Amino acid sequence: MSESTIVLITGANSGVGYATAKTIASQPNYHVVMACRDLSKGHEARSQLESANIQGTLSVVQLDVENDTSISKAFNTVSDQFGRVDVFISNAGTTSPGTAGRDKIEKIFSTNVFGAMFTSEAFIPLLLRSRRPYLIQISTMLGSLELASDPQSAQSREAWDEYRMSKAALNMMTIQMHKRLKDQNVRVFAFCPGLVRSRLRGDSEEAVSAQGHAGDPMESGKAIMEIIVGRRDEHAGKLLHRNGVYPW
């Protein structure tokens, strides 16, 4: 197991997290740790992937990015089992469907900013044990201040205010982590998967498919794989998408 590349993905049981786990585990010599808030959903997702003739291996760990005790227990489990993490993908996120006002913005920031920050920081010591570590924050072009403020950009006309604010904060966190960790050989990225099928917006088919406009998250998984194998190293510290780089 220690010879495999160890990849941990938060929120790995659905959407971009699941598609990324499937893409990576389809390759030999990779072990994907599926970090999921709900263990039963995590084990179900693992069983589905293992029935798809993957070449890599999988395990599941309980991890709620909003719970410090859960983060600590997950860290100890991964540290004891593997001794390091080679790739950390901070994917868990929410738009907090069904809420409004203060409850909505508190939930969104608790998951997308504070959860991403505290979980990433907790696992950095395991990344530093890797010979070639990667830290990837799943973000969005909707968090780009330049695109949001450009009246000619389609993104300037989108709403999703609280979600966009949280991802702008996540992008700043990515920049700061990159500056702090680049001299320790950690390649830090933000990655925009685009509009893809996901329960981020809710559980109904209309929400998952974004009224039929959402694409296949497997395309995002493939693009993340490009980062992991080193084909986007020159863009470390930036907000990437499948075909290039978005402005901050």
C-alpha atoms as a PDB file:
ATOM      1  CA  MET A   1       0.000   0.000   0.000  1.00  0.00           C
ATOM      2  CA  SER A   2       2.806   2.422   0.857  1.00  0.00           C
ATOM      3  CA  GLU A   3       4.002   2.230  -2.771  1.00  0.00           C
ATOM      4  CA  SER A   4       0.663   3.570  -4.018  1.00  0.00           C
ATOM      5  CA  THR A   5      -0.023   7.273  -4.408  1.00  0.00           C
ATOM      6  CA  ILE A   6      -2.330   8.144  -1.508  1.00  0.00           C
ATOM      7  CA  VAL A   7      -5.143  10.525  -2.489  1.00  0.00           C
ATOM      8  CA  LEU A   8      -7.665  11.834   0.037  1.00  0.00           C
ATOM      9  CA  ILE A   9     -10.879  13.431  -1.252  1.00  0.00           C
ATOM     10  CA  THR A  10     -13.405  15.135   1.022  1.00  0.00           C
ATOM     11  CA  GLY A  11     -17.045  14.793   0.035  1.00  0.00           C
ATOM     12  CA  ALA A  12     -16.108  11.823  -2.128  1.00  0.00           C
ATOM     13  CA  ASN A  13     -19.427   9.986  -2.243  1.00  0.00           C
ATOM     14  CA  SER A  14     -21.129  12.136  -4.891  1.00  0.00           C
ATOM     15  CA  GLY A  15     -20.685  14.746  -7.610  1.00  0.00           C
ATOM     16  CA  VAL A  16     -17.188  15.953  -8.433  1.00  0.00           C
ATOM     17  CA  GLY A  17     -15.712  14.063  -5.485  1.00  0.00           C
ATOM     18  CA  TYR A  18     -17.136  10.735  -6.629  1.00  0.00           C
ATOM     19  CA  ALA A  19     -16.172  11.323 -10.271  1.00  0.00           C
ATOM     20  CA  THR A  20     -12.631  12.223  -9.217  1.00  0.00           C
ATOM     21  CA  ALA A  21     -12.373   9.148  -7.014  1.00  0.00           C
ATOM     22  CA  LYS A  22     -13.524   6.994  -9.942  1.00  0.00           C
ATOM     23  CA  THR A  23     -11.061   8.608 -12.364  1.00  0.00           C
ATOM     24  CA  ILE A  24      -8.092   8.206 -10.031  1.00  0.00           C
ATOM     25  CA  ALA A  25      -8.973   4.697  -8.850  1.00  0.00           C
ATOM     26  CA  SER A  26      -9.297   3.602 -12.476  1.00  0.00           C
ATOM     27  CA  GLN A  27      -5.504   3.868 -12.656  1.00  0.00           C
ATOM     28  CA  PRO A  28      -3.122   1.327 -11.082  1.00  0.00           C
ATOM     29  CA  ASN A  29      -0.920   2.268  -8.125  1.00  0.00           C
ATOM     30  CA  TYR A  30      -3.345   4.766  -6.626  1.00  0.00           C
ATOM     31  CA  HIS A  31      -5.181   4.434  -3.338  1.00  0.00           C
ATOM     32  CA  VAL A  32      -8.115   6.791  -2.819  1.00  0.00           C
ATOM     33  CA  VAL A  33      -9.276   7.591   0.703  1.00  0.00           C
ATOM     34  CA  MET A  34     -12.925   8.556   0.348  1.00  0.00           C
ATOM     35  CA  ALA A  35     -13.541  10.995   3.211  1.00  0.00           C
ATOM     36  CA  CYS A  36     -17.291  11.263   3.760  1.00  0.00           C
ATOM     37  CA  ARG A  37     -19.493  12.845   6.416  1.00  0.00           C
ATOM     38  CA  ASP A  38     -21.956   9.942   6.183  1.00  0.00           C
ATOM     39  CA  LEU A  39     -20.117   6.611   6.455  1.00  0.00           C
ATOM     40  CA  SER A  40     -22.986   4.591   5.014  1.00  0.00           C
ATOM     41  CA  LYS A  41     -23.025   6.739   1.870  1.00  0.00           C
ATOM     42  CA  GLY A  42     -19.253   6.461   1.708  1.00  0.00           C
ATOM     43  CA  HIS A  43     -19.311   2.667   1.848  1.00  0.00           C
ATOM     44  CA  GLU A  44     -22.084   2.544  -0.730  1.00  0.00           C
ATOM     45  CA  ALA A  45     -20.058   4.745  -3.093  1.00  0.00           C
ATOM     46  CA  ARG A  46     -16.977   2.593  -2.524  1.00  0.00           C
ATOM     47  CA  SER A  47     -18.926  -0.574  -3.379  1.00  0.00           C
ATOM     48  CA  GLN A  48     -20.197   1.010  -6.584  1.00  0.00           C
ATOM     49  CA  LEU A  49     -16.673   1.961  -7.628  1.00  0.00           C
ATOM     50  CA  GLU A  50     -15.192  -1.426  -6.773  1.00  0.00           C
ATOM     51  CA  SER A  51     -17.824  -3.106  -8.945  1.00  0.00           C
ATOM     52  CA  ALA A  52     -16.619  -1.005 -11.906  1.00  0.00           C
ATOM     53  CA  ASN A  53     -13.371  -2.972 -12.358  1.00  0.00           C
ATOM     54  CA  ILE A  54     -11.077  -0.272 -11.007  1.00  0.00           C
ATOM     55  CA  GLN A  55      -7.321  -0.919 -10.991  1.00  0.00           C
ATOM     56  CA  GLY A  56      -6.497   1.106  -7.879  1.00  0.00           C
ATOM     57  CA  THR A  57      -7.754   0.617  -4.320  1.00  0.00           C
ATOM     58  CA  LEU A  58     -10.196   2.437  -2.071  1.00  0.00           C
ATOM     59  CA  SER A  59     -10.924   2.999   1.592  1.00  0.00           C
ATOM     60  CA  VAL A  60     -13.475   5.097   3.466  1.00  0.00           C
ATOM     61  CA  VAL A  61     -12.983   7.362   6.458  1.00  0.00           C
ATOM     62  CA  GLN A  62     -15.607   9.388   8.328  1.00  0.00           C
ATOM     63  CA  LEU A  63     -14.854  13.101   8.035  1.00  0.00           C
ATOM     64  CA  ASP A  64     -17.178  16.011   8.678  1.00  0.00           C
ATOM     65  CA  VAL A  65     -15.302  19.179   7.707  1.00  0.00           C
ATOM     66  CA  GLU A  66     -17.428  21.184  10.157  1.00  0.00           C
ATOM     67  CA  ASN A  67     -16.460  19.062  13.158  1.00  0.00           C
ATOM     68  CA  ASP A  68     -12.983  19.387  14.692  1.00  0.00           C
ATOM     69  CA  THR A  69     -13.226  16.040  16.488  1.00  0.00           C
ATOM     70  CA  SER A  70     -14.123  14.304  13.229  1.00  0.00           C
ATOM     71  CA  ILE A  71     -11.207  16.005  11.450  1.00  0.00           C
ATOM     72  CA  SER A  72      -8.787  14.922  14.181  1.00  0.00           C
ATOM     73  CA  LYS A  73     -10.014  11.314  14.148  1.00  0.00           C
ATOM     74  CA  ALA A  74      -9.766  11.154  10.361  1.00  0.00           C
ATOM     75  CA  PHE A  75      -6.225  12.529  10.503  1.00  0.00           C
ATOM     76  CA  ASN A  76      -5.204   9.892  13.056  1.00  0.00           C
ATOM     77  CA  THR A  77      -6.777   7.101  11.007  1.00  0.00           C
ATOM     78  CA  VAL A  78      -5.054   8.128   7.779  1.00  0.00           C
ATOM     79  CA  SER A  79      -1.755   8.754   9.553  1.00  0.00           C
ATOM     80  CA  ASP A  80      -1.835   5.327  11.221  1.00  0.00           C
ATOM     81  CA  GLN A  81      -2.817   3.479   8.037  1.00  0.00           C
ATOM     82  CA  PHE A  82      -0.693   5.260   5.435  1.00  0.00           C
ATOM     83  CA  GLY A  83       1.769   7.566   7.184  1.00  0.00           C
ATOM     84  CA  ARG A  84       1.341  10.288   4.573  1.00  0.00           C
ATOM     85  CA  VAL A  85      -0.982  11.866   1.995  1.00  0.00           C
ATOM     86  CA  ASP A  86       0.340  12.547  -1.502  1.00  0.00           C
ATOM     87  CA  VAL A  87      -2.701  14.404  -2.824  1.00  0.00           C
ATOM     88  CA  PHE A  88      -5.302  16.211  -0.729  1.00  0.00           C
ATOM     89  CA  ILE A  89      -8.444  17.288  -2.607  1.00  0.00           C
ATOM     90  CA  SER A  90     -10.664  19.614  -0.594  1.00  0.00           C
ATOM     91  CA  ASN A  91     -13.961  19.034  -2.370  1.00  0.00           C
ATOM     92  CA  ALA A  92     -16.718  19.126   0.279  1.00  0.00           C
ATOM     93  CA  GLY A  93     -18.952  22.142  -0.279  1.00  0.00           C
ATOM     94  CA  THR A  94     -22.523  23.399  -0.217  1.00  0.00           C
ATOM     95  CA  THR A  95     -24.893  26.095  -1.453  1.00  0.00           C
ATOM     96  CA  SER A  96     -27.114  25.316   1.575  1.00  0.00           C
ATOM     97  CA  PRO A  97     -30.328  24.796  -0.389  1.00  0.00           C
ATOM     98  CA  GLY A  98     -33.512  25.308   1.575  1.00  0.00           C
ATOM     99  CA  THR A  99     -32.084  27.926   3.928  1.00  0.00           C
ATOM    100  CA  ALA A 100     -32.093  31.705   3.889  1.00  0.00           C
ATOM    101  CA  GLY A 101     -30.655  34.741   5.597  1.00  0.00           C
ATOM    102  CA  ARG A 102     -28.098  34.333   8.366  1.00  0.00           C
ATOM    103  CA  ASP A 103     -28.602  30.545   8.503  1.00  0.00           C
ATOM    104  CA  LYS A 104     -27.693  30.240   4.828  1.00  0.00           C
ATOM    105  CA  ILE A 105     -24.524  32.308   4.874  1.00  0.00           C
ATOM    106  CA  GLU A 106     -23.344  30.748   8.146  1.00  0.00           C
ATOM    107  CA  LYS A 107     -23.787  27.225   6.746  1.00  0.00           C
ATOM    108  CA  ILE A 108     -22.082  28.079   3.446  1.00  0.00           C
ATOM    109  CA  PHE A 109     -19.077  29.680   5.111  1.00  0.00           C
ATOM    110  CA  SER A 110     -18.883  26.954   7.745  1.00  0.00           C
ATOM    111  CA  THR A 111     -18.472  24.305   5.037  1.00  0.00           C
ATOM    112  CA  ASN A 112     -16.850  26.087   2.104  1.00  0.00           C
ATOM    113  CA  VAL A 113     -14.387  28.310   3.982  1.00  0.00           C
ATOM    114  CA  PHE A 114     -13.861  27.258   7.593  1.00  0.00           C
ATOM    115  CA  GLY A 115     -14.308  23.554   6.871  1.00  0.00           C
ATOM    116  CA  ALA A 116     -11.967  23.651   3.892  1.00  0.00           C
ATOM    117  CA  MET A 117      -9.394  25.663   5.843  1.00  0.00           C
ATOM    118  CA  PHE A 118      -9.323  23.624   9.044  1.00  0.00           C
ATOM    119  CA  THR A 119      -9.388  20.283   7.236  1.00  0.00           C
ATOM    120  CA  SER A 120      -6.633  21.284   4.807  1.00  0.00           C
ATOM    121  CA  GLU A 121      -4.481  22.681   7.603  1.00  0.00           C
ATOM    122  CA  ALA A 122      -4.958  19.500   9.632  1.00  0.00           C
ATOM    123  CA  PHE A 123      -3.671  17.301   6.799  1.00  0.00           C
ATOM    124  CA  ILE A 124      -0.743  19.472   5.688  1.00  0.00           C
ATOM    125  CA  PRO A 125       1.651  17.595   8.046  1.00  0.00           C
ATOM    126  CA  LEU A 126       0.826  14.373   6.155  1.00  0.00           C
ATOM    127  CA  LEU A 127       1.347  16.129   2.816  1.00  0.00           C
ATOM    128  CA  LEU A 128       4.782  17.236   3.981  1.00  0.00           C
ATOM    129  CA  ARG A 129       5.741  13.564   4.337  1.00  0.00           C
ATOM    130  CA  SER A 130       5.136  13.024   0.612  1.00  0.00           C
ATOM    131  CA  ARG A 131       7.877  13.234  -1.990  1.00  0.00           C
ATOM    132  CA  ARG A 132       5.529  15.056  -4.398  1.00  0.00           C
ATOM    133  CA  PRO A 133       2.565  16.579  -2.572  1.00  0.00           C
ATOM    134  CA  TYR A 134      -0.456  18.275  -4.136  1.00  0.00           C
ATOM    135  CA  LEU A 135      -3.194  20.285  -2.405  1.00  0.00           C
ATOM    136  CA  ILE A 136      -6.240  21.063  -4.546  1.00  0.00           C
ATOM    137  CA  GLN A 137      -9.143  23.259  -3.444  1.00  0.00           C
ATOM    138  CA  ILE A 138     -12.321  22.768  -5.462  1.00  0.00           C
ATOM    139  CA  SER A 139     -13.476  26.305  -6.212  1.00  0.00           C
ATOM    140  CA  THR A 140     -15.344  28.049  -9.027  1.00  0.00           C
ATOM    141  CA  MET A 141     -14.988  30.882 -11.493  1.00  0.00           C
ATOM    142  CA  LEU A 142     -17.979  32.405  -9.680  1.00  0.00           C
ATOM    143  CA  GLY A 143     -15.499  33.325  -6.933  1.00  0.00           C
ATOM    144  CA  SER A 144     -13.350  35.363  -9.333  1.00  0.00           C
ATOM    145  CA  LEU A 145     -13.507  39.067  -8.436  1.00  0.00           C
ATOM    146  CA  GLU A 146     -12.281  40.051 -11.887  1.00  0.00           C
ATOM    147  CA  LEU A 147     -14.984  38.085 -13.709  1.00  0.00           C
ATOM    148  CA  ALA A 148     -17.671  39.203 -11.277  1.00  0.00           C
ATOM    149  CA  SER A 149     -16.807  42.877 -11.758  1.00  0.00           C
ATOM    150  CA  ASP A 150     -16.540  42.710 -15.557  1.00  0.00           C
ATOM    151  CA  PRO A 151     -19.895  43.793 -17.066  1.00  0.00           C
ATOM    152  CA  GLN A 152     -18.988  41.946 -20.276  1.00  0.00           C
ATOM    153  CA  SER A 153     -18.592  38.636 -18.431  1.00  0.00           C
ATOM    154  CA  ALA A 154     -21.518  36.232 -18.207  1.00  0.00           C
ATOM    155  CA  GLN A 155     -20.387  35.474 -14.656  1.00  0.00           C
ATOM    156  CA  SER A 156     -21.094  39.080 -13.611  1.00  0.00           C
ATOM    157  CA  ARG A 157     -24.801  38.423 -14.141  1.00  0.00           C
ATOM    158  CA  GLU A 158     -24.991  35.320 -11.958  1.00  0.00           C
ATOM    159  CA  ALA A 159     -26.551  35.540  -8.487  1.00  0.00           C
ATOM    160  CA  TRP A 160     -25.579  32.990  -5.793  1.00  0.00           C
ATOM    161  CA  ASP A 161     -24.189  35.816  -3.661  1.00  0.00           C
ATOM    162  CA  GLU A 162     -23.352  33.867  -0.497  1.00  0.00           C
ATOM    163  CA  TYR A 163     -21.812  30.971  -2.403  1.00  0.00           C
ATOM    164  CA  ARG A 164     -19.723  33.318  -4.548  1.00  0.00           C
ATOM    165  CA  MET A 165     -18.493  35.161  -1.465  1.00  0.00           C
ATOM    166  CA  SER A 166     -17.410  31.890   0.137  1.00  0.00           C
ATOM    167  CA  LYS A 167     -15.466  30.809  -2.943  1.00  0.00           C
ATOM    168  CA  ALA A 168     -13.777  34.210  -3.202  1.00  0.00           C
ATOM    169  CA  ALA A 169     -12.592  33.643   0.374  1.00  0.00           C
ATOM    170  CA  LEU A 170     -11.484  30.119  -0.549  1.00  0.00           C
ATOM    171  CA  ASN A 171      -9.500  31.522  -3.463  1.00  0.00           C
ATOM    172  CA  MET A 172      -7.667  33.917  -1.142  1.00  0.00           C
ATOM    173  CA  MET A 173      -6.935  31.006   1.179  1.00  0.00           C
ATOM    174  CA  THR A 174      -5.487  29.096  -1.790  1.00  0.00           C
ATOM    175  CA  ILE A 175      -3.184  31.990  -2.679  1.00  0.00           C
ATOM    176  CA  GLN A 176      -1.972  32.271   0.910  1.00  0.00           C
ATOM    177  CA  MET A 177      -1.385  28.516   1.210  1.00  0.00           C
ATOM    178  CA  HIS A 178       0.537  28.525  -2.063  1.00  0.00           C
ATOM    179  CA  LYS A 179       2.832  31.296  -0.863  1.00  0.00           C
ATOM    180  CA  ARG A 180       3.417  29.535   2.451  1.00  0.00           C
ATOM    181  CA  LEU A 181       3.923  26.005   1.131  1.00  0.00           C
ATOM    182  CA  LYS A 182       5.642  26.402  -2.240  1.00  0.00           C
ATOM    183  CA  ASP A 183       9.116  26.340  -0.681  1.00  0.00           C
ATOM    184  CA  GLN A 184       8.183  23.058   1.011  1.00  0.00           C
ATOM    185  CA  ASN A 185       7.479  21.493  -2.389  1.00  0.00           C
ATOM    186  CA  VAL A 186       3.675  21.477  -1.965  1.00  0.00           C
ATOM    187  CA  ARG A 187       1.880  22.373  -5.195  1.00  0.00           C
ATOM    188  CA  VAL A 188      -1.316  24.219  -4.304  1.00  0.00           C
ATOM    189  CA  PHE A 189      -4.154  24.829  -6.773  1.00  0.00           C
ATOM    190  CA  ALA A 190      -7.735  26.021  -6.916  1.00  0.00           C
ATOM    191  CA  PHE A 191      -9.779  24.190  -9.536  1.00  0.00           C
ATOM    192  CA  CYS A 192     -13.105  25.106 -11.120  1.00  0.00           C
ATOM    193  CA  PRO A 193     -15.012  22.007 -12.294  1.00  0.00           C
ATOM    194  CA  GLY A 194     -17.611  24.080 -14.130  1.00  0.00           C
ATOM    195  CA  LEU A 195     -21.344  23.456 -14.026  1.00  0.00           C
ATOM    196  CA  VAL A 196     -21.648  19.683 -13.614  1.00  0.00           C
ATOM    197  CA  ARG A 197     -24.165  17.253 -12.165  1.00  0.00           C
ATOM    198  CA  SER A 198     -23.954  17.504  -8.397  1.00  0.00           C
ATOM    199  CA  ARG A 199     -26.044  17.487  -5.205  1.00  0.00           C
ATOM    200  CA  LEU A 200     -24.398  20.795  -4.332  1.00  0.00           C
ATOM    201  CA  ARG A 201     -27.620  22.554  -5.333  1.00  0.00           C
ATOM    202  CA  GLY A 202     -30.042  20.000  -3.822  1.00  0.00           C
ATOM    203  CA  ASP A 203     -31.193  16.410  -4.228  1.00  0.00           C
ATOM    204  CA  SER A 204     -33.922  16.745  -6.857  1.00  0.00           C
ATOM    205  CA  GLU A 205     -33.129  15.893 -10.468  1.00  0.00           C
ATOM    206  CA  GLU A 206     -33.839  19.504 -11.397  1.00  0.00           C
ATOM    207  CA  ALA A 207     -31.259  20.700  -8.865  1.00  0.00           C
ATOM    208  CA  VAL A 208     -28.675  18.009  -9.647  1.00  0.00           C
ATOM    209  CA  SER A 209     -28.868  18.715 -13.382  1.00  0.00           C
ATOM    210  CA  ALA A 210     -29.182  22.513 -12.972  1.00  0.00           C
ATOM    211  CA  GLN A 211     -32.406  22.403 -14.995  1.00  0.00           C
ATOM    212  CA  GLY A 212     -30.677  20.225 -17.585  1.00  0.00           C
ATOM    213  CA  HIS A 213     -27.660  22.479 -18.091  1.00  0.00           C
ATOM    214  CA  ALA A 214     -25.116  20.558 -15.999  1.00  0.00           C
ATOM    215  CA  GLY A 215     -22.361  18.548 -17.665  1.00  0.00           C
ATOM    216  CA  ASP A 216     -20.643  15.287 -16.782  1.00  0.00           C
ATOM    217  CA  PRO A 217     -18.485  15.529 -13.617  1.00  0.00           C
ATOM    218  CA  MET A 218     -16.192  12.835 -15.065  1.00  0.00           C
ATOM    219  CA  GLU A 219     -14.710  15.540 -17.296  1.00  0.00           C
ATOM    220  CA  SER A 220     -13.726  17.426 -14.167  1.00  0.00           C
ATOM    221  CA  GLY A 221     -12.267  14.250 -12.693  1.00  0.00           C
ATOM    222  CA  LYS A 222     -10.080  13.842 -15.767  1.00  0.00           C
ATOM    223  CA  ALA A 223      -8.878  17.450 -15.498  1.00  0.00           C
ATOM    224  CA  ILE A 224      -7.994  16.968 -11.841  1.00  0.00           C
ATOM    225  CA  MET A 225      -6.044  13.870 -12.816  1.00  0.00           C
ATOM    226  CA  GLU A 226      -4.013  16.075 -15.168  1.00  0.00           C
ATOM    227  CA  ILE A 227      -3.022  18.178 -12.160  1.00  0.00           C
ATOM    228  CA  ILE A 228      -2.105  15.157 -10.054  1.00  0.00           C
ATOM    229  CA  VAL A 229       0.226  13.669 -12.669  1.00  0.00           C
ATOM    230  CA  GLY A 230       2.110  16.951 -12.958  1.00  0.00           C
ATOM    231  CA  ARG A 231       0.841  18.297 -16.273  1.00  0.00           C
ATOM    232  CA  ARG A 232      -0.316  21.612 -14.757  1.00  0.00           C
ATOM    233  CA  ASP A 233       2.596  22.295 -12.415  1.00  0.00           C
ATOM    234  CA  GLU A 234       3.431  25.584 -14.124  1.00  0.00           C
ATOM    235  CA  HIS A 235       0.043  26.893 -12.937  1.00  0.00           C
ATOM    236  CA  ALA A 236       0.555  26.186  -9.227  1.00  0.00           C
ATOM    237  CA  GLY A 237      -0.997  28.904  -7.100  1.00  0.00           C
ATOM    238  CA  LYS A 238      -3.702  29.713  -9.666  1.00  0.00           C
ATOM    239  CA  LEU A 239      -7.410  29.052 -10.340  1.00  0.00           C
ATOM    240  CA  LEU A 240      -7.504  26.384 -13.036  1.00  0.00           C
ATOM    241  CA  HIS A 241     -10.202  24.961 -15.259  1.00  0.00           C
ATOM    242  CA  ARG A 242     -10.055  22.148 -17.818  1.00  0.00           C
ATOM    243  CA  ASN A 243      -8.584  24.264 -20.588  1.00  0.00           C
ATOM    244  CA  GLY A 244      -6.685  27.022 -18.869  1.00  0.00           C
ATOM    245  CA  VAL A 245      -6.607  29.511 -15.991  1.00  0.00           C
ATOM    246  CA  TYR A 246      -9.245  31.919 -14.668  1.00  0.00           C
ATOM    247  CA  PRO A 247      -8.282  35.316 -13.205  1.00  0.00           C
ATOM    248  CA  TRP A 248      -8.574  35.744  -9.460  1.00  0.00           C
END
